[in-house]
Amino acid sequence: MSSVRIAKEELERIIALCQSLEKTGSDPFNLDVKTLLNRLRSIVEKSKNLDIIVLDAETLYRIALVIALQHKWLKDRASSLFVDSQLVSLKIVAADVRELASAFASCWRPIVSLEQLTRGMVSEGYEYFLSLPTRTAARAQALGEGVGEVVSAPTNLFEERQVVEEDLKKLHREMLAARNDEGYVNYLAFLKAEGEDKVVARAYLTAFLVTEGYAELVKNPLTGEIWLQPFEQKQERRSVASLVTVFRGDGFVG
């Protein structure tokens, strides 16, 4: 019985490995399919237990899906004229400095421009902000004159910051609780958890959690699905990446 239990555990691990690769969208060639098939054959030949045979069929199905992902991966790379990164690196190293500068200048599209800030402009901006009503007064004006006496004291920025920090902690706890068996949360479903009117606010707070290292965004290049991988503790970020989410009237896409 112990050998049957060990075989079942090994088959279950292989199934979990294949499912994890499908969900995360990792390189399907990271999985050695030939070795897994050989191991699968060895387990079946040694045991004729009914549970082992059923698990063997499930494992074979999962491995077949991985092979299909490998086929799609190669097809996508071929259709996009994929160029190996090492080849690109060699071309850059071998290229002339002037050629590189010319290529950079021809494709450069600056998104930021610099203008000189004069003392007069600073003074004008300062006078403008002094003329603006306080936040409390603006809120009372929006609600109407029947709201009672307006408090003219400035907004307590410290209290507002505390509220935002509490919202972030709450969202982080919610994200951890929503994890599936592989530790991932569907990004779009998570943003819609409180309804369409809360989507933008949840996306904004989620971006802060990802930036601070409390979660990671993972995109499946085959399906286009976006997943959140929340962490129990803050992780140190060694690289910076960005992911744009476009919101539309009929929904949104990542």
Protein backbone atom coordinates (compact mmCIF):
# COMPACT_ATOMS: atom_id res chain seq x y z
CA MET A 1 0.00 0.00 0.00
CA SER A 2 2.86 2.35 0.68
CA SER A 3 4.12 2.02 -2.89
CA VAL A 4 0.64 2.86 -4.19
CA ARG A 5 0.48 5.94 -1.96
CA ILE A 6 3.91 7.10 -3.12
CA ALA A 7 2.92 6.61 -6.78
CA LYS A 8 -0.32 8.57 -6.27
CA GLU A 9 1.56 11.46 -4.64
CA GLU A 10 4.07 11.58 -7.51
CA LEU A 11 1.31 11.62 -10.13
CA GLU A 12 -0.52 14.37 -8.23
CA ARG A 13 2.67 16.44 -8.16
CA ILE A 14 3.07 16.07 -11.93
CA ILE A 15 -0.56 17.16 -12.47
CA ALA A 16 -0.08 20.19 -10.18
CA LEU A 17 3.11 21.13 -12.04
CA CYS A 18 1.33 21.06 -15.40
CA GLN A 19 -1.62 23.08 -14.06
CA SER A 20 0.71 25.69 -12.59
CA LEU A 21 2.46 26.10 -15.93
CA GLU A 22 -0.90 26.55 -17.69
CA LYS A 23 -2.10 29.24 -15.27
CA THR A 24 1.11 31.29 -15.00
CA GLY A 25 1.92 31.23 -18.72
CA SER A 26 5.54 30.24 -18.14
CA ASP A 27 7.73 28.92 -20.93
CA PRO A 28 6.21 25.44 -21.62
CA PHE A 29 9.62 24.14 -22.63
CA ASN A 30 10.78 24.51 -19.02
CA LEU A 31 8.95 21.23 -18.46
CA ASP A 32 10.81 18.10 -19.59
CA VAL A 33 7.92 16.23 -21.23
CA LYS A 34 10.04 13.23 -22.27
CA THR A 35 11.21 12.60 -18.71
CA LEU A 36 7.67 12.90 -17.35
CA LEU A 37 6.33 10.41 -19.91
CA ASN A 38 9.07 7.91 -19.08
CA ARG A 39 8.30 8.25 -15.38
CA LEU A 40 4.58 7.86 -16.09
CA ARG A 41 5.20 4.62 -17.98
CA SER A 42 7.37 3.28 -15.16
CA ILE A 43 4.67 3.97 -12.55
CA VAL A 44 1.89 2.31 -14.58
CA GLU A 45 3.97 -0.78 -15.34
CA LYS A 46 4.73 -1.30 -11.65
CA SER A 47 1.19 -0.80 -10.35
CA LYS A 48 -2.19 -2.00 -11.66
CA ASN A 49 -4.16 -0.26 -8.92
CA LEU A 50 -7.41 1.32 -10.21
CA ASP A 51 -6.68 4.70 -8.57
CA ILE A 52 -3.24 4.74 -10.19
CA ILE A 53 -4.74 4.01 -13.61
CA VAL A 54 -7.28 6.85 -13.22
CA LEU A 55 -4.57 9.29 -12.11
CA ASP A 56 -2.37 8.10 -14.96
CA ALA A 57 -5.06 9.08 -17.48
CA GLU A 58 -5.43 12.52 -15.85
CA THR A 59 -1.64 13.00 -15.84
CA LEU A 60 -1.37 12.01 -19.50
CA TYR A 61 -4.09 14.52 -20.35
CA ARG A 62 -2.27 17.33 -18.51
CA ILE A 63 1.02 16.50 -20.25
CA ALA A 64 -0.81 16.56 -23.60
CA LEU A 65 -2.01 20.10 -22.80
CA VAL A 66 1.57 21.15 -22.10
CA ILE A 67 2.63 19.74 -25.48
CA ALA A 68 -0.18 21.77 -27.09
CA LEU A 69 1.13 24.89 -25.32
CA GLN A 70 4.62 24.16 -26.65
CA HIS A 71 3.22 23.93 -30.17
CA LYS A 72 1.36 27.25 -29.77
CA TRP A 73 4.44 28.85 -28.22
CA LEU A 74 6.56 27.92 -31.26
CA LYS A 75 3.82 29.02 -33.65
CA ASP A 76 3.50 32.42 -31.98
CA ARG A 77 7.25 32.97 -32.00
CA ALA A 78 7.49 32.02 -35.67
CA SER A 79 4.57 34.26 -36.69
CA SER A 80 6.07 37.26 -34.89
CA LEU A 81 9.49 36.74 -36.51
CA PHE A 82 11.02 36.08 -33.10
CA VAL A 83 14.71 36.97 -32.87
CA ASP A 84 16.88 35.37 -30.23
CA SER A 85 18.02 37.84 -27.54
CA GLN A 86 21.64 36.71 -27.81
CA LEU A 87 21.62 37.50 -31.54
CA VAL A 88 20.29 41.01 -30.84
CA SER A 89 22.95 41.49 -28.16
CA LEU A 90 25.73 40.48 -30.55
CA LYS A 91 24.43 42.87 -33.21
CA ILE A 92 24.39 45.76 -30.74
CA VAL A 93 27.93 45.02 -29.55
CA ALA A 94 29.22 44.79 -33.12
CA ALA A 95 27.41 47.91 -34.36
CA ASP A 96 29.15 51.25 -34.86
CA VAL A 97 28.48 53.91 -32.21
CA ARG A 98 27.24 56.38 -34.80
CA GLU A 99 24.86 53.80 -36.25
CA LEU A 100 23.44 53.12 -32.80
CA ALA A 101 23.00 56.85 -32.13
CA SER A 102 21.29 57.31 -35.49
CA ALA A 103 18.92 54.39 -34.84
CA PHE A 104 18.09 55.74 -31.40
CA ALA A 105 17.41 59.26 -32.73
CA SER A 106 15.16 57.95 -35.51
CA CYS A 107 12.89 55.99 -33.14
CA TRP A 108 13.03 58.27 -30.09
CA ARG A 109 9.64 59.69 -29.14
CA PRO A 110 10.12 61.86 -26.02
CA ILE A 111 7.07 62.10 -23.74
CA VAL A 112 8.45 64.77 -21.40
CA SER A 113 9.57 68.30 -22.23
CA LEU A 114 11.49 70.68 -20.01
CA GLU A 115 10.64 74.37 -19.63
CA GLN A 116 12.36 76.97 -17.48
CA LEU A 117 10.43 77.95 -14.36
CA THR A 118 10.82 81.66 -13.64
CA ARG A 119 10.30 83.53 -10.37
CA GLY A 120 7.26 85.26 -11.84
CA MET A 121 5.64 81.91 -12.69
CA VAL A 122 6.22 80.66 -9.14
CA SER A 123 4.64 83.81 -7.72
CA GLU A 124 1.65 83.48 -10.05
CA GLY A 125 1.11 79.85 -9.08
CA TYR A 126 1.38 80.68 -5.38
CA GLU A 127 -1.28 83.39 -5.67
CA TYR A 128 -3.55 81.02 -7.58
CA PHE A 129 -3.43 78.29 -4.91
CA LEU A 130 -4.04 80.86 -2.15
CA SER A 131 -7.20 81.94 -3.94
CA LEU A 132 -8.64 78.39 -4.04
CA PRO A 133 -11.30 77.44 -1.43
CA THR A 134 -10.46 74.81 1.16
CA ARG A 135 -11.56 71.24 0.58
CA THR A 136 -14.14 71.44 3.32
CA ALA A 137 -15.66 74.58 1.84
CA ALA A 138 -15.73 73.04 -1.64
CA ARG A 139 -17.52 69.93 -0.33
CA ALA A 140 -20.10 71.99 1.53
CA GLN A 141 -20.74 74.11 -1.55
CA ALA A 142 -21.29 70.98 -3.62
CA LEU A 143 -23.82 69.64 -1.08
CA GLY A 144 -25.74 72.93 -0.85
CA GLU A 145 -26.43 75.61 1.73
CA GLY A 146 -28.60 73.37 3.91
CA VAL A 147 -25.75 71.28 5.27
CA GLY A 148 -25.15 73.60 8.22
CA GLU A 149 -22.17 75.59 9.24
CA VAL A 150 -19.05 75.09 7.15
CA VAL A 151 -15.86 74.39 9.07
CA SER A 152 -13.08 76.43 7.52
CA ALA A 153 -10.22 74.59 9.20
CA PRO A 154 -7.77 72.97 6.75
CA THR A 155 -8.15 69.26 6.01
CA ASN A 156 -6.13 66.99 8.29
CA LEU A 157 -3.79 65.39 5.80
CA PHE A 158 -2.45 62.98 8.42
CA GLU A 159 -5.93 61.53 8.95
CA GLU A 160 -6.46 61.17 5.21
CA ARG A 161 -3.17 59.31 4.90
CA GLN A 162 -4.22 56.95 7.69
CA VAL A 163 -7.47 56.20 5.85
CA VAL A 164 -5.58 55.35 2.65
CA GLU A 165 -3.16 53.10 4.55
CA GLU A 166 -6.07 51.25 6.16
CA ASP A 167 -7.67 50.77 2.72
CA LEU A 168 -4.41 49.33 1.42
CA LYS A 169 -4.12 46.91 4.35
CA LYS A 170 -7.73 45.82 3.89
CA LEU A 171 -7.25 45.24 0.18
CA HIS A 172 -4.05 43.27 0.84
CA ARG A 173 -5.87 41.00 3.29
CA GLU A 174 -8.68 40.52 0.78
CA MET A 175 -6.16 39.64 -1.92
CA LEU A 176 -4.49 37.02 0.29
CA ALA A 177 -7.86 35.47 1.14
CA ALA A 178 -8.84 35.26 -2.56
CA ARG A 179 -5.81 33.17 -3.59
CA ASN A 180 -6.43 29.89 -5.40
CA ASP A 181 -4.56 26.66 -4.70
CA GLU A 182 -1.56 27.88 -6.73
CA GLY A 183 -1.45 31.19 -4.84
CA TYR A 184 -2.84 33.40 -7.64
CA VAL A 185 -5.82 35.76 -7.94
CA ASN A 186 -7.52 36.67 -11.22
CA TYR A 187 -6.73 40.38 -11.69
CA LEU A 188 -9.89 41.49 -13.50
CA ALA A 189 -12.21 39.48 -11.23
CA PHE A 190 -10.50 40.99 -8.19
CA LEU A 191 -11.04 44.54 -9.45
CA LYS A 192 -14.74 43.82 -10.09
CA ALA A 193 -15.31 42.22 -6.66
CA GLU A 194 -17.22 45.28 -5.34
CA GLY A 195 -19.00 46.19 -8.55
CA GLU A 196 -18.23 48.32 -11.60
CA ASP A 197 -18.33 51.60 -9.65
CA LYS A 198 -15.40 50.49 -7.48
CA VAL A 199 -13.19 49.15 -10.27
CA VAL A 200 -11.05 52.26 -10.76
CA ALA A 201 -10.48 52.77 -7.02
CA ARG A 202 -9.50 49.12 -6.52
CA ALA A 203 -7.18 49.23 -9.54
CA TYR A 204 -5.51 52.36 -8.13
CA LEU A 205 -4.92 50.77 -4.69
CA THR A 206 -3.83 47.48 -6.26
CA ALA A 207 -1.20 49.35 -8.25
CA PHE A 208 0.22 50.70 -4.99
CA LEU A 209 0.39 47.19 -3.48
CA VAL A 210 2.24 45.89 -6.55
CA THR A 211 4.63 48.85 -6.57
CA GLU A 212 5.42 48.43 -2.87
CA GLY A 213 6.18 44.72 -3.31
CA TYR A 214 3.13 43.21 -1.59
CA ALA A 215 2.00 41.55 -4.84
CA GLU A 216 3.19 40.74 -8.34
CA LEU A 217 1.39 40.92 -11.69
CA VAL A 218 1.78 37.92 -13.99
CA LYS A 219 0.42 37.92 -17.54
CA ASN A 220 -0.16 34.72 -19.52
CA PRO A 221 1.24 35.46 -23.01
CA LEU A 222 -0.84 32.67 -24.55
CA THR A 223 -4.28 33.52 -23.15
CA GLY A 224 -3.75 37.19 -22.26
CA GLU A 225 -5.05 36.58 -18.71
CA ILE A 226 -3.60 38.70 -15.92
CA TRP A 227 -3.03 37.20 -12.46
CA LEU A 228 -2.06 38.71 -9.12
CA GLN A 229 0.42 36.87 -6.93
CA PRO A 230 0.06 38.35 -3.42
CA PHE A 231 2.79 37.90 -0.79
CA GLU A 232 2.36 37.59 2.96
CA GLN A 233 5.19 40.07 3.52
CA LYS A 234 6.62 42.93 1.49
CA GLN A 235 9.15 41.77 -1.12
CA GLU A 236 12.18 43.76 -2.19
CA ARG A 237 11.87 44.85 -5.81
CA ARG A 238 15.01 44.41 -7.92
CA SER A 239 13.47 45.46 -11.23
CA VAL A 240 10.69 47.80 -12.28
CA ALA A 241 8.02 46.89 -14.84
CA SER A 242 4.73 48.46 -15.88
CA LEU A 243 1.41 47.09 -17.07
CA VAL A 244 -1.23 49.39 -18.59
CA THR A 245 -4.92 48.69 -17.93
CA VAL A 246 -7.36 50.46 -20.27
CA PHE A 247 -10.85 51.23 -18.92
CA ARG A 248 -13.76 51.57 -21.32
CA GLY A 249 -17.45 52.22 -21.04
CA ASP A 250 -18.35 48.60 -21.87
CA GLY A 251 -15.69 47.10 -19.58
CA PHE A 252 -11.93 47.11 -19.58
CA VAL A 253 -9.02 45.12 -20.84
CA GLY A 254 -5.54 44.65 -19.38
